[in-house]
């Protein structure tokens, strides 16, 4: 039937039809089925983890004076660990950006010799420098 429809419009070449159908089914499967399913599963996991954490802290706080102190200490320690991980992520991100900037400078300098196109490598490099300046000079210290 598709062949008759295409012959009606004058196009009888069906060589690209299989690829088009494959890619369209793949795109629908990716964007309509897979990504929403994965995000739903991830949000359920985070919700479950938050519930278990809140329930554990509630039980610790209700147990006794020592339990309440332990719950508060647990919360402080988790916040400290989160801040340390964020700072370490910024350090790694800054170093990666500086590396990409230097690599881009060298690559563009070798590719386009006379023109100053290679200065585009300064963009990610300076972003990396800004991230490191924030981590080491501007961010509040983790206690």
N, C-alpha and C. Protein backbone atom coordinates (compact mmCIF):
# COMPACT_ATOMS: atom_id res chain seq x y z
N UNK A 1 0.82 -1.19 0.00
CA UNK A 1 0.00 0.00 0.00
C UNK A 1 0.86 1.25 0.00
N UNK A 2 1.97 1.24 0.78
CA UNK A 2 2.87 2.38 0.80
C UNK A 2 3.48 2.57 -0.59
N UNK A 3 3.80 1.45 -1.26
CA UNK A 3 4.37 1.53 -2.59
C UNK A 3 3.39 2.17 -3.57
N UNK A 4 2.11 1.81 -3.47
CA UNK A 4 1.10 2.41 -4.35
C UNK A 4 0.94 3.90 -4.06
N UNK A 5 0.96 4.26 -2.77
CA UNK A 5 0.83 5.66 -2.40
C UNK A 5 1.99 6.48 -2.94
N UNK A 6 3.22 5.94 -2.80
CA UNK A 6 4.38 6.65 -3.31
C UNK A 6 4.39 6.72 -4.83
N UNK A 7 3.92 5.67 -5.50
CA UNK A 7 3.87 5.71 -6.97
C UNK A 7 2.83 6.72 -7.44
N UNK A 8 1.79 6.95 -6.65
CA UNK A 8 0.79 7.96 -7.00
C UNK A 8 1.41 9.35 -7.02
N UNK A 9 2.32 9.60 -6.08
CA UNK A 9 2.98 10.89 -6.02
C UNK A 9 4.20 10.95 -6.92
N UNK A 10 4.57 9.85 -7.57
CA UNK A 10 5.65 9.86 -8.53
C UNK A 10 6.99 9.40 -7.99
N UNK A 11 7.08 9.03 -6.73
CA UNK A 11 8.34 8.58 -6.15
C UNK A 11 8.27 7.07 -5.93
N UNK A 12 9.02 6.32 -6.72
CA UNK A 12 9.01 4.86 -6.59
C UNK A 12 10.29 4.34 -5.95
N UNK A 13 11.20 5.20 -5.57
CA UNK A 13 12.45 4.79 -4.94
C UNK A 13 12.21 4.58 -3.44
N UNK A 14 12.27 3.33 -3.00
CA UNK A 14 12.02 3.00 -1.60
C UNK A 14 13.30 2.63 -0.86
N UNK A 15 14.45 3.01 -1.39
CA UNK A 15 15.71 2.58 -0.79
C UNK A 15 15.93 3.18 0.60
N UNK A 16 15.49 4.38 0.85
CA UNK A 16 15.70 5.01 2.15
C UNK A 16 14.55 4.80 3.12
N UNK A 17 13.50 4.11 2.69
CA UNK A 17 12.31 3.93 3.53
C UNK A 17 12.61 3.08 4.76
N UNK A 18 13.37 2.03 4.63
CA UNK A 18 13.67 1.16 5.77
C UNK A 18 14.46 1.89 6.84
N UNK A 19 15.45 2.66 6.41
CA UNK A 19 16.23 3.43 7.36
C UNK A 19 15.37 4.47 8.06
N UNK A 20 14.49 5.12 7.32
CA UNK A 20 13.61 6.13 7.91
C UNK A 20 12.69 5.51 8.94
N UNK A 21 12.12 4.35 8.63
CA UNK A 21 11.23 3.68 9.58
C UNK A 21 12.01 3.25 10.83
N UNK A 22 13.20 2.70 10.63
CA UNK A 22 14.03 2.28 11.77
C UNK A 22 14.36 3.46 12.68
N UNK A 23 14.78 4.58 12.09
CA UNK A 23 15.15 5.74 12.89
C UNK A 23 13.94 6.36 13.58
N UNK A 24 12.80 6.38 12.93
CA UNK A 24 11.62 6.96 13.56
C UNK A 24 11.13 6.10 14.72
N UNK A 25 11.16 4.78 14.57
CA UNK A 25 10.77 3.90 15.67
C UNK A 25 11.77 4.03 16.82
N UNK A 26 13.06 4.13 16.49
CA UNK A 26 14.08 4.31 17.53
C UNK A 26 13.90 5.62 18.28
N UNK A 27 13.58 6.69 17.57
CA UNK A 27 13.38 7.99 18.22
C UNK A 27 12.16 7.96 19.14
N UNK A 28 11.10 7.34 18.68
CA UNK A 28 9.90 7.24 19.51
C UNK A 28 10.18 6.40 20.75
N UNK A 29 10.89 5.29 20.56
CA UNK A 29 11.21 4.43 21.70
C UNK A 29 12.08 5.17 22.70
N UNK A 30 13.02 5.97 22.22
CA UNK A 30 13.92 6.68 23.12
C UNK A 30 13.21 7.80 23.87
N UNK A 31 12.53 8.67 23.15
CA UNK A 31 11.99 9.88 23.76
C UNK A 31 10.62 9.70 24.39
N UNK A 32 9.87 8.71 24.00
CA UNK A 32 8.53 8.53 24.54
C UNK A 32 8.48 7.43 25.59
N UNK A 33 9.37 6.45 25.48
CA UNK A 33 9.30 5.31 26.39
C UNK A 33 10.48 5.28 27.35
N UNK A 34 11.70 5.26 26.85
CA UNK A 34 12.86 4.99 27.67
C UNK A 34 13.17 6.12 28.65
N UNK A 35 13.31 7.35 28.18
CA UNK A 35 13.69 8.48 29.04
C UNK A 35 12.65 8.74 30.14
N UNK A 36 11.35 8.78 29.82
CA UNK A 36 10.39 8.96 30.92
C UNK A 36 10.40 7.81 31.93
N UNK A 37 10.59 6.59 31.46
CA UNK A 37 10.63 5.45 32.37
C UNK A 37 11.82 5.54 33.30
N UNK A 38 12.98 5.86 32.78
CA UNK A 38 14.18 5.97 33.61
C UNK A 38 14.04 7.10 34.61
N UNK A 39 13.52 8.23 34.19
CA UNK A 39 13.36 9.35 35.13
C UNK A 39 12.33 9.02 36.21
N UNK A 40 11.27 8.29 35.85
CA UNK A 40 10.27 7.89 36.85
C UNK A 40 10.88 6.94 37.86
N UNK A 41 11.66 5.97 37.39
CA UNK A 41 12.31 5.01 38.29
C UNK A 41 13.29 5.73 39.21
N UNK A 42 14.04 6.68 38.67
CA UNK A 42 15.00 7.43 39.49
C UNK A 42 14.30 8.28 40.54
N UNK A 43 13.20 8.91 40.18
CA UNK A 43 12.48 9.72 41.16
C UNK A 43 11.87 8.85 42.25
N UNK A 44 11.40 7.67 41.90
CA UNK A 44 10.88 6.75 42.92
C UNK A 44 11.99 6.32 43.87
N UNK A 45 13.18 6.05 43.34
CA UNK A 45 14.31 5.65 44.18
C UNK A 45 14.67 6.76 45.15
N UNK A 46 14.76 7.99 44.66
CA UNK A 46 15.09 9.12 45.53
C UNK A 46 14.03 9.34 46.59
N UNK A 47 12.77 9.19 46.21
CA UNK A 47 11.69 9.35 47.18
C UNK A 47 11.78 8.28 48.27
N UNK A 48 12.06 7.05 47.88
CA UNK A 48 12.18 5.96 48.84
C UNK A 48 13.36 6.18 49.79
N UNK A 49 14.50 6.63 49.24
CA UNK A 49 15.66 6.91 50.08
C UNK A 49 15.37 8.03 51.07
N UNK A 50 14.70 9.07 50.61
CA UNK A 50 14.36 10.19 51.51
C UNK A 50 13.40 9.74 52.61
N UNK A 51 12.46 8.88 52.25
CA UNK A 51 11.51 8.38 53.26
C UNK A 51 12.24 7.55 54.31
N UNK A 52 13.11 6.65 53.89
CA UNK A 52 13.83 5.81 54.85
C UNK A 52 14.76 6.65 55.74
N UNK A 53 15.38 7.64 55.15
CA UNK A 53 16.26 8.51 55.93
C UNK A 53 15.45 9.30 56.97
N UNK A 54 14.33 9.87 56.56
CA UNK A 54 13.49 10.63 57.49
C UNK A 54 12.94 9.73 58.59
N UNK A 55 12.57 8.52 58.23
CA UNK A 55 12.04 7.59 59.23
C UNK A 55 13.11 7.19 60.24
N UNK A 56 14.32 6.97 59.76
CA UNK A 56 15.42 6.61 60.67
C UNK A 56 15.74 7.76 61.61
N UNK A 57 15.81 8.96 61.09
CA UNK A 57 16.11 10.12 61.93
C UNK A 57 14.99 10.37 62.93
N UNK A 58 13.74 10.17 62.52
CA UNK A 58 12.62 10.35 63.44
C UNK A 58 12.70 9.36 64.59
N UNK A 59 13.02 8.12 64.27
CA UNK A 59 13.11 7.10 65.33
C UNK A 59 14.29 7.38 66.27
N UNK A 60 15.40 7.85 65.71
CA UNK A 60 16.53 8.19 66.56
C UNK A 60 16.19 9.36 67.48
N UNK A 61 15.49 10.35 66.93
CA UNK A 61 15.16 11.53 67.72
C UNK A 61 14.15 11.20 68.82
N UNK A 62 13.24 10.27 68.56
CA UNK A 62 12.22 9.92 69.55
C UNK A 62 12.76 8.99 70.63
N UNK A 63 13.87 8.33 70.39
CA UNK A 63 14.32 7.30 71.32
C UNK A 63 14.75 7.87 72.67
N UNK A 64 15.66 8.85 72.67
CA UNK A 64 16.10 9.42 73.94
C UNK A 64 16.86 10.71 73.65
N UNK A 65 17.38 11.32 74.71
CA UNK A 65 18.18 12.53 74.53
C UNK A 65 19.44 12.25 73.73
N UNK A 66 20.02 11.10 73.97
CA UNK A 66 21.23 10.71 73.22
C UNK A 66 20.89 10.45 71.76
N UNK A 67 19.71 9.88 71.53
CA UNK A 67 19.28 9.61 70.15
C UNK A 67 19.05 10.89 69.37
N UNK A 68 18.48 11.89 70.00
CA UNK A 68 18.26 13.17 69.33
C UNK A 68 19.58 13.82 68.97
N UNK A 69 20.54 13.74 69.88
CA UNK A 69 21.86 14.29 69.61
C UNK A 69 22.53 13.54 68.45
N UNK A 70 22.35 12.22 68.44
CA UNK A 70 22.93 11.42 67.36
C UNK A 70 22.28 11.75 66.02
N UNK A 71 20.98 12.00 66.02
CA UNK A 71 20.28 12.35 64.79
C UNK A 71 20.77 13.68 64.25
N UNK A 72 20.95 14.66 65.14
CA UNK A 72 21.45 15.95 64.70
C UNK A 72 22.88 15.84 64.17
N UNK A 73 23.67 15.04 64.85
CA UNK A 73 25.06 14.84 64.41
C UNK A 73 25.09 14.15 63.04
N UNK A 74 24.17 13.22 62.82
CA UNK A 74 24.07 12.54 61.52
C UNK A 74 23.71 13.53 60.42
N UNK A 75 22.76 14.41 60.70
CA UNK A 75 22.38 15.42 59.71
C UNK A 75 23.54 16.36 59.39
N UNK A 76 24.26 16.79 60.40
CA UNK A 76 25.40 17.68 60.18
C UNK A 76 26.49 16.99 59.37
N UNK A 77 26.73 15.73 59.68
CA UNK A 77 27.76 14.98 58.96
C UNK A 77 27.37 14.78 57.50
N UNK A 78 26.10 14.51 57.24
CA UNK A 78 25.64 14.35 55.85
C UNK A 78 25.77 15.66 55.08
N UNK A 79 25.45 16.77 55.71
CA UNK A 79 25.60 18.06 55.04
C UNK A 79 27.07 18.37 54.77
N UNK A 80 27.93 18.03 55.71
CA UNK A 80 29.36 18.25 55.51
C UNK A 80 29.90 17.40 54.36
N UNK A 81 29.48 16.16 54.30
CA UNK A 81 29.92 15.27 53.22
C UNK A 81 29.40 15.78 51.87
N UNK A 82 28.18 16.27 51.85
CA UNK A 82 27.61 16.82 50.61
C UNK A 82 28.41 18.04 50.15
N UNK A 83 28.78 18.92 51.08
CA UNK A 83 29.56 20.11 50.74
C UNK A 83 30.95 19.72 50.23
N UNK A 84 31.57 18.72 50.85
CA UNK A 84 32.89 18.27 50.41
C UNK A 84 32.81 17.69 49.01
N UNK A 85 31.76 16.89 48.74
CA UNK A 85 31.61 16.31 47.40
C UNK A 85 31.38 17.40 46.36
N UNK A 86 30.61 18.42 46.71
CA UNK A 86 30.38 19.52 45.77
C UNK A 86 31.68 20.25 45.46
N UNK A 87 32.48 20.52 46.48
CA UNK A 87 33.76 21.20 46.26
C UNK A 87 34.72 20.35 45.43
N UNK A 88 34.75 19.06 45.71
CA UNK A 88 35.63 18.17 44.93
C UNK A 88 35.16 18.10 43.48
N UNK A 89 33.86 18.11 43.27
CA UNK A 89 33.33 18.12 41.91
C UNK A 89 33.71 19.40 41.17
N UNK A 90 33.66 20.53 41.87
CA UNK A 90 34.07 21.78 41.25
C UNK A 90 35.56 21.79 40.93
N UNK A 91 36.38 21.20 41.80
CA UNK A 91 37.81 21.12 41.53
C UNK A 91 38.08 20.28 40.29
N UNK A 92 37.46 19.12 40.21
CA UNK A 92 37.66 18.25 39.06
C UNK A 92 37.13 18.91 37.79
N UNK A 93 35.96 19.54 37.88
CA UNK A 93 35.40 20.24 36.73
C UNK A 93 36.30 21.37 36.26
N UNK A 94 36.89 22.11 37.19
CA UNK A 94 37.80 23.19 36.82
C UNK A 94 39.04 22.66 36.13
N UNK A 95 39.61 21.59 36.66
CA UNK A 95 40.80 21.01 36.03
C UNK A 95 40.49 20.46 34.64
N UNK A 96 39.34 19.83 34.49
CA UNK A 96 38.96 19.31 33.17
C UNK A 96 38.76 20.45 32.18
N UNK A 97 38.12 21.53 32.61
CA UNK A 97 37.93 22.67 31.72
C UNK A 97 39.26 23.31 31.32
N UNK A 98 40.19 23.40 32.24
CA UNK A 98 41.51 23.95 31.90
C UNK A 98 42.20 23.03 30.89
N UNK A 99 42.11 21.72 31.11
CA UNK A 99 42.70 20.77 30.17
C UNK A 99 42.08 20.86 28.78
N UNK A 100 40.76 20.99 28.72
CA UNK A 100 40.08 21.13 27.43
C UNK A 100 40.50 22.43 26.75
N UNK A 101 40.62 23.50 27.53
CA UNK A 101 41.03 24.78 26.96
C UNK A 101 42.44 24.72 26.37
N UNK A 102 43.37 24.12 27.10
CA UNK A 102 44.74 24.00 26.59
C UNK A 102 44.77 23.12 25.35
N UNK A 103 44.04 22.01 25.39
CA UNK A 103 43.97 21.13 24.22
C UNK A 103 43.38 21.83 23.01
N UNK A 104 42.35 22.61 23.23
CA UNK A 104 41.73 23.35 22.14
C UNK A 104 42.66 24.43 21.59
N UNK A 105 43.40 25.09 22.47
CA UNK A 105 44.40 26.07 22.01
C UNK A 105 45.42 25.40 21.09
N UNK A 106 45.96 24.28 21.52
CA UNK A 106 46.99 23.59 20.73
C UNK A 106 46.41 23.08 19.43
N UNK A 107 45.21 22.45 19.49
CA UNK A 107 44.60 21.89 18.30
C UNK A 107 44.27 22.97 17.27
N UNK A 108 43.65 24.05 17.71
CA UNK A 108 43.28 25.10 16.75
C UNK A 108 44.49 25.85 16.23
N UNK A 109 45.52 25.98 17.04
CA UNK A 109 46.76 26.62 16.57
C UNK A 109 47.40 25.78 15.47
N UNK A 110 47.39 24.46 15.63
CA UNK A 110 47.97 23.58 14.60
C UNK A 110 47.07 23.50 13.37
N UNK A 111 45.76 23.60 13.56
CA UNK A 111 44.82 23.46 12.45
C UNK A 111 44.77 24.72 11.60
N UNK A 112 44.64 25.88 12.25
CA UNK A 112 44.54 27.16 11.56
C UNK A 112 45.73 28.00 12.02
N UNK A 113 46.78 28.03 11.24
CA UNK A 113 48.04 28.61 11.68
C UNK A 113 48.04 30.10 11.93
N UNK A 114 47.74 30.92 10.93
CA UNK A 114 47.97 32.36 11.02
C UNK A 114 46.87 33.13 11.74
N UNK A 115 45.66 32.63 11.73
CA UNK A 115 44.55 33.38 12.29
C UNK A 115 44.40 33.07 13.79
N UNK A 116 43.96 34.05 14.57
CA UNK A 116 43.88 33.83 16.02
C UNK A 116 42.63 33.07 16.46
N UNK A 117 42.22 32.08 15.69
CA UNK A 117 41.05 31.27 16.05
C UNK A 117 41.35 30.44 17.29
N UNK A 118 42.61 30.12 17.49
CA UNK A 118 43.00 29.28 18.61
C UNK A 118 42.66 29.91 19.96
N UNK A 119 42.42 31.22 19.98
CA UNK A 119 42.07 31.88 21.24
C UNK A 119 40.72 31.44 21.78
N UNK A 120 39.94 30.72 20.97
CA UNK A 120 38.67 30.16 21.46
C UNK A 120 38.92 29.16 22.59
N UNK A 121 40.12 28.61 22.65
CA UNK A 121 40.46 27.70 23.73
C UNK A 121 40.53 28.39 25.08
N UNK A 122 40.61 29.70 25.08
CA UNK A 122 40.62 30.43 26.35
C UNK A 122 39.27 30.38 27.07
N UNK A 123 38.19 30.18 26.31
CA UNK A 123 36.86 30.18 26.92
C UNK A 123 36.72 29.05 27.94
N UNK A 124 36.90 27.77 27.55
CA UNK A 124 36.79 26.74 28.60
C UNK A 124 37.91 26.83 29.63
N UNK A 125 39.09 27.28 29.21
CA UNK A 125 40.19 27.41 30.16
C UNK A 125 39.90 28.42 31.25
N UNK A 126 39.34 29.57 30.87
CA UNK A 126 39.02 30.59 31.86
C UNK A 126 37.82 30.19 32.73
N UNK A 127 36.91 29.41 32.18
CA UNK A 127 35.82 28.87 32.99
C UNK A 127 36.38 27.95 34.08
N UNK A 128 37.35 27.12 33.69
CA UNK A 128 38.00 26.25 34.67
C UNK A 128 38.74 27.04 35.73
N UNK A 129 39.42 28.11 35.31
CA UNK A 129 40.12 28.96 36.28
C UNK A 129 39.12 29.60 37.24
N UNK A 130 37.98 30.05 36.71
CA UNK A 130 36.95 30.66 37.57
C UNK A 130 36.42 29.65 38.58
N UNK A 131 36.24 28.40 38.16
CA UNK A 131 35.76 27.38 39.09
C UNK A 131 36.77 27.14 40.20
N UNK A 132 38.04 27.07 39.85
CA UNK A 132 39.07 26.85 40.86
C UNK A 132 39.22 28.05 41.79
N UNK A 133 39.10 29.26 41.25
CA UNK A 133 39.17 30.46 42.09
C UNK A 133 38.02 30.45 43.09
N UNK A 134 36.85 30.06 42.64
CA UNK A 134 35.71 29.99 43.56
C UNK A 134 35.97 28.97 44.67
N UNK A 135 36.44 27.79 44.30
CA UNK A 135 36.65 26.73 45.29
C UNK A 135 37.69 27.14 46.32
N UNK A 136 38.81 27.69 45.86
CA UNK A 136 39.92 27.94 46.77
C UNK A 136 39.87 29.30 47.48
N UNK A 137 39.23 30.28 46.85
CA UNK A 137 39.27 31.63 47.44
C UNK A 137 37.91 32.14 47.94
N UNK A 138 36.84 31.84 47.23
CA UNK A 138 35.57 32.49 47.54
C UNK A 138 34.60 31.64 48.35
N UNK A 139 34.66 30.34 48.22
CA UNK A 139 33.69 29.47 48.89
C UNK A 139 33.98 29.43 50.40
N UNK A 140 32.92 29.29 51.16
CA UNK A 140 33.07 29.17 52.61
C UNK A 140 33.75 27.84 52.93
N UNK A 141 34.62 27.84 53.92
CA UNK A 141 35.31 26.60 54.25
C UNK A 141 34.37 25.55 54.82
N UNK A 142 34.65 24.29 54.52
CA UNK A 142 33.84 23.19 55.03
C UNK A 142 34.32 22.86 56.43
N UNK A 143 33.42 22.84 57.37
CA UNK A 143 33.79 22.58 58.77
C UNK A 143 33.39 21.21 59.19
